[in-house]
Amino acid sequence: NREKSFVRWATAQGLTVFVISWVNPDESQAEKGFDAYMKEGVLAALDAVQQATGAPHVAAAGYCVGGTMLAATLAYMAEKGDDRIDSVTFLATQVDFTDAGDMQVFIDEARLAALDEAMSRTGYLEGVKMATTFNMLRPNELF
C-alpha cells in the first residue's frame, strides 16, 4: 500500500533500505532447519548489506515471523559477540511464546502434533496451510 508503506517512509527520510523475504519451501529445502534460515537468511542478508554499503553497523526491522527469526538471530549474534546490528524494530512480531495470545486459538498440542506429522512426510509446511492460518488472523472483512 503506497500510502502506508514503511519502505516508502524510510527512503523518504534518506535511509538506504534492503528488504528480504523468506523462501516458500518445497522438497529441495526439506532437510534445512532453523539454523539454515538464520545463517542463509538473516546473516547472509546482513553480510550482503554490509558488502553493498560498507557500513559496519546496521539498523534492522523484522515483521511477523521474520521478526521472530530476527530476534532469535540477535540472541545467536550476542552469544558470538557479533554486534553488527545496533538497533532493531519489531513490527507485529511475537518473541515471547509463553502466552501466545490470539495464536492460541489456532495452535494447541493436538494441532502441533498434526503439523509435525504432516511436515515429517514432506519435510516442509505447505504454503497453503500457512496462508490459511494467517488469513484466519485477519479481520473477517479481509477474507
C-alpha atoms as a PDB file:
ATOM      1  CA  ASN A   1       0.000   0.000   0.000  1.00  0.00           C
ATOM      2  CA  ARG A   2       1.801   3.105  -1.223  1.00  0.00           C
ATOM      3  CA  GLU A   3       0.134   5.382   1.324  1.00  0.00           C
ATOM      4  CA  LYS A   4       1.104   3.233   4.307  1.00  0.00           C
ATOM      5  CA  SER A   5       4.450   1.865   3.118  1.00  0.00           C
ATOM      6  CA  PHE A   6       7.178   1.741   5.737  1.00  0.00           C
ATOM      7  CA  VAL A   7       9.775   1.347   2.990  1.00  0.00           C
ATOM      8  CA  ARG A   8       8.490   4.466   1.241  1.00  0.00           C
ATOM      9  CA  TRP A   9       8.616   6.424   4.512  1.00  0.00           C
ATOM     10  CA  ALA A  10      12.135   5.201   5.363  1.00  0.00           C
ATOM     11  CA  THR A  11      13.566   6.039   1.940  1.00  0.00           C
ATOM     12  CA  ALA A  12      11.915   9.486   2.107  1.00  0.00           C
ATOM     13  CA  GLN A  13      13.922  10.025   5.318  1.00  0.00           C
ATOM     14  CA  GLY A  14      17.112   9.333   3.354  1.00  0.00           C
ATOM     15  CA  LEU A  15      17.640   5.804   4.663  1.00  0.00           C
ATOM     16  CA  THR A  16      19.030   3.062   2.463  1.00  0.00           C
ATOM     17  CA  VAL A  17      16.601   0.151   2.681  1.00  0.00           C
ATOM     18  CA  PHE A  18      17.136  -3.505   1.866  1.00  0.00           C
ATOM     19  CA  VAL A  19      14.242  -5.956   2.054  1.00  0.00           C
ATOM     20  CA  ILE A  20      14.465  -9.727   2.324  1.00  0.00           C
ATOM     21  CA  SER A  21      11.704 -12.283   2.389  1.00  0.00           C
ATOM     22  CA  TRP A  22      11.558 -15.945   3.220  1.00  0.00           C
ATOM     23  CA  VAL A  23      11.547 -18.702   0.661  1.00  0.00           C
ATOM     24  CA  ASN A  24       8.385 -20.762   0.478  1.00  0.00           C
ATOM     25  CA  PRO A  25       9.986 -24.169   0.945  1.00  0.00           C
ATOM     26  CA  ASP A  26       9.494 -27.198  -1.222  1.00  0.00           C
ATOM     27  CA  GLU A  27      11.119 -30.635  -1.379  1.00  0.00           C
ATOM     28  CA  SER A  28      14.542 -29.138  -2.169  1.00  0.00           C
ATOM     29  CA  GLN A  29      14.627 -27.420   1.250  1.00  0.00           C
ATOM     30  CA  ALA A  30      13.177 -30.345   3.225  1.00  0.00           C
ATOM     31  CA  GLU A  31      16.442 -31.007   5.068  1.00  0.00           C
ATOM     32  CA  LYS A  32      17.026 -27.391   6.054  1.00  0.00           C
ATOM     33  CA  GLY A  33      16.414 -26.444   9.658  1.00  0.00           C
ATOM     34  CA  PHE A  34      16.119 -23.313  11.744  1.00  0.00           C
ATOM     35  CA  ASP A  35      19.854 -22.651  11.595  1.00  0.00           C
ATOM     36  CA  ALA A  36      19.744 -22.556   7.786  1.00  0.00           C
ATOM     37  CA  TYR A  37      17.037 -19.882   7.829  1.00  0.00           C
ATOM     38  CA  MET A  38      19.193 -17.884  10.239  1.00  0.00           C
ATOM     39  CA  LYS A  39      22.583 -18.363   8.535  1.00  0.00           C
ATOM     40  CA  GLU A  40      21.427 -18.420   4.891  1.00  0.00           C
ATOM     41  CA  GLY A  41      18.741 -15.794   5.512  1.00  0.00           C
ATOM     42  CA  VAL A  42      19.322 -13.116   8.141  1.00  0.00           C
ATOM     43  CA  LEU A  43      23.105 -13.432   8.461  1.00  0.00           C
ATOM     44  CA  ALA A  44      23.682 -13.786   4.708  1.00  0.00           C
ATOM     45  CA  ALA A  45      21.500 -10.713   4.121  1.00  0.00           C
ATOM     46  CA  LEU A  46      23.462  -8.797   6.754  1.00  0.00           C
ATOM     47  CA  ASP A  47      26.712  -9.758   5.009  1.00  0.00           C
ATOM     48  CA  ALA A  48      25.302  -8.629   1.635  1.00  0.00           C
ATOM     49  CA  VAL A  49      24.082  -5.287   3.044  1.00  0.00           C
ATOM     50  CA  GLN A  50      27.449  -4.596   4.609  1.00  0.00           C
ATOM     51  CA  GLN A  51      29.257  -5.539   1.402  1.00  0.00           C
ATOM     52  CA  ALA A  52      26.990  -3.257  -0.658  1.00  0.00           C
ATOM     53  CA  THR A  53      27.169  -0.281   1.716  1.00  0.00           C
ATOM     54  CA  GLY A  54      30.428  -0.654   3.608  1.00  0.00           C
ATOM     55  CA  ALA A  55      28.537   0.163   6.807  1.00  0.00           C
ATOM     56  CA  PRO A  56      29.993  -1.523   9.905  1.00  0.00           C
ATOM     57  CA  HIS A  57      26.612  -1.482  11.677  1.00  0.00           C
ATOM     58  CA  VAL A  58      23.007  -1.546  10.521  1.00  0.00           C
ATOM     59  CA  ALA A  59      19.575  -0.863  11.918  1.00  0.00           C
ATOM     60  CA  ALA A  60      17.230  -3.788  11.303  1.00  0.00           C
ATOM     61  CA  ALA A  61      13.487  -4.259  11.337  1.00  0.00           C
ATOM     62  CA  GLY A  62      11.586  -7.521  11.453  1.00  0.00           C
ATOM     63  CA  TYR A  63       7.960  -8.135  10.607  1.00  0.00           C
ATOM     64  CA  CYS A  64       5.826 -11.055  11.786  1.00  0.00           C
ATOM     65  CA  VAL A  65       7.676 -14.391  11.657  1.00  0.00           C
ATOM     66  CA  GLY A  66      10.641 -12.563  10.125  1.00  0.00           C
ATOM     67  CA  GLY A  67      10.833 -10.571  13.343  1.00  0.00           C
ATOM     68  CA  THR A  68      10.767 -13.772  15.376  1.00  0.00           C
ATOM     69  CA  MET A  69      13.656 -15.075  13.257  1.00  0.00           C
ATOM     70  CA  LEU A  70      15.486 -11.759  13.673  1.00  0.00           C
ATOM     71  CA  ALA A  71      15.073 -11.905  17.472  1.00  0.00           C
ATOM     72  CA  ALA A  72      16.485 -15.431  17.588  1.00  0.00           C
ATOM     73  CA  THR A  73      19.359 -14.390  15.309  1.00  0.00           C
ATOM     74  CA  LEU A  74      20.146 -11.440  17.578  1.00  0.00           C
ATOM     75  CA  ALA A  75      20.450 -13.848  20.507  1.00  0.00           C
ATOM     76  CA  TYR A  76      22.807 -16.034  18.444  1.00  0.00           C
ATOM     77  CA  MET A  77      24.822 -12.962  17.428  1.00  0.00           C
ATOM     78  CA  ALA A  78      25.080 -11.811  21.055  1.00  0.00           C
ATOM     79  CA  GLU A  79      26.427 -15.230  22.038  1.00  0.00           C
ATOM     80  CA  LYS A  80      29.044 -14.959  19.253  1.00  0.00           C
ATOM     81  CA  GLY A  81      29.970 -11.354  20.136  1.00  0.00           C
ATOM     82  CA  ASP A  82      28.639 -10.133  16.762  1.00  0.00           C
ATOM     83  CA  ASP A  83      27.400  -6.550  17.211  1.00  0.00           C
ATOM     84  CA  ARG A  84      26.792  -5.551  13.583  1.00  0.00           C
ATOM     85  CA  ILE A  85      23.120  -4.801  14.267  1.00  0.00           C
ATOM     86  CA  ASP A  86      22.989  -1.821  16.594  1.00  0.00           C
ATOM     87  CA  SER A  87      19.237  -1.228  16.693  1.00  0.00           C
ATOM     88  CA  VAL A  88      16.150  -3.232  15.875  1.00  0.00           C
ATOM     89  CA  THR A  89      12.464  -2.550  15.392  1.00  0.00           C
ATOM     90  CA  PHE A  90       9.854  -5.300  15.594  1.00  0.00           C
ATOM     91  CA  LEU A  91       6.524  -4.945  13.797  1.00  0.00           C
ATOM     92  CA  ALA A  92       3.705  -7.424  14.524  1.00  0.00           C
ATOM     93  CA  THR A  93       6.289  -9.832  15.915  1.00  0.00           C
ATOM     94  CA  GLN A  94       5.896 -12.443  18.599  1.00  0.00           C
ATOM     95  CA  VAL A  95       9.090 -13.047  20.576  1.00  0.00           C
ATOM     96  CA  ASP A  96       7.713 -14.448  23.844  1.00  0.00           C
ATOM     97  CA  PHE A  97       5.641 -17.569  23.291  1.00  0.00           C
ATOM     98  CA  THR A  98       4.879 -18.089  26.986  1.00  0.00           C
ATOM     99  CA  ASP A  99       1.462 -16.586  26.341  1.00  0.00           C
ATOM    100  CA  ALA A 100       0.798 -16.849  22.607  1.00  0.00           C
ATOM    101  CA  GLY A 101      -2.267 -14.585  22.672  1.00  0.00           C
ATOM    102  CA  ASP A 102      -4.504 -14.892  19.596  1.00  0.00           C
ATOM    103  CA  MET A 103      -2.328 -17.688  18.210  1.00  0.00           C
ATOM    104  CA  GLN A 104      -3.677 -19.980  20.945  1.00  0.00           C
ATOM    105  CA  VAL A 105      -6.965 -20.107  19.037  1.00  0.00           C
ATOM    106  CA  PHE A 106      -5.175 -21.932  16.221  1.00  0.00           C
ATOM    107  CA  ILE A 107      -2.390 -23.846  17.961  1.00  0.00           C
ATOM    108  CA  ASP A 108      -2.699 -26.457  20.661  1.00  0.00           C
ATOM    109  CA  GLU A 109      -0.821 -29.680  21.412  1.00  0.00           C
ATOM    110  CA  ALA A 110      -3.008 -31.782  19.090  1.00  0.00           C
ATOM    111  CA  ARG A 111      -2.602 -29.331  16.196  1.00  0.00           C
ATOM    112  CA  LEU A 112       1.164 -29.139  16.741  1.00  0.00           C
ATOM    113  CA  ALA A 113       1.353 -32.933  16.656  1.00  0.00           C
ATOM    114  CA  ALA A 114      -0.647 -32.982  13.401  1.00  0.00           C
ATOM    115  CA  LEU A 115       1.642 -30.328  11.884  1.00  0.00           C
ATOM    116  CA  ASP A 116       4.730 -32.278  12.956  1.00  0.00           C
ATOM    117  CA  GLU A 117       3.313 -35.410  11.339  1.00  0.00           C
ATOM    118  CA  ALA A 118       2.442 -33.611   8.091  1.00  0.00           C
ATOM    119  CA  MET A 119       5.839 -31.944   7.953  1.00  0.00           C
ATOM    120  CA  SER A 120       7.652 -35.223   8.613  1.00  0.00           C
ATOM    121  CA  ARG A 121       6.051 -36.642   5.452  1.00  0.00           C
ATOM    122  CA  THR A 122       7.059 -33.764   3.156  1.00  0.00           C
ATOM    123  CA  GLY A 123       9.885 -32.081   5.075  1.00  0.00           C
ATOM    124  CA  TYR A 124       8.164 -28.694   4.973  1.00  0.00           C
ATOM    125  CA  LEU A 125       4.861 -26.983   5.672  1.00  0.00           C
ATOM    126  CA  GLU A 126       2.873 -26.344   2.534  1.00  0.00           C
ATOM    127  CA  GLY A 127       2.323 -22.641   1.883  1.00  0.00           C
ATOM    128  CA  VAL A 128      -1.435 -23.037   1.528  1.00  0.00           C
ATOM    129  CA  LYS A 129      -1.667 -24.396   5.092  1.00  0.00           C
ATOM    130  CA  MET A 130       0.358 -21.498   6.450  1.00  0.00           C
ATOM    131  CA  ALA A 131      -1.663 -18.985   4.416  1.00  0.00           C
ATOM    132  CA  THR A 132      -4.901 -20.326   5.852  1.00  0.00           C
ATOM    133  CA  THR A 133      -3.672 -19.680   9.379  1.00  0.00           C
ATOM    134  CA  PHE A 134      -2.570 -16.143   8.539  1.00  0.00           C
ATOM    135  CA  ASN A 135      -5.871 -15.443   6.807  1.00  0.00           C
ATOM    136  CA  MET A 136      -7.725 -16.524   9.926  1.00  0.00           C
ATOM    137  CA  LEU A 137      -5.784 -13.938  11.961  1.00  0.00           C
ATOM    138  CA  ARG A 138      -7.078 -11.107   9.789  1.00  0.00           C
ATOM    139  CA  PRO A 139     -10.376  -9.373  10.463  1.00  0.00           C
ATOM    140  CA  ASN A 140     -13.362 -11.094   8.853  1.00  0.00           C
ATOM    141  CA  GLU A 141     -13.880  -8.433   6.235  1.00  0.00           C
ATOM    142  CA  LEU A 142     -10.473  -9.237   4.735  1.00  0.00           C
ATOM    143  CA  PHE A 143     -11.220 -12.828   3.773  1.00  0.00           C
END
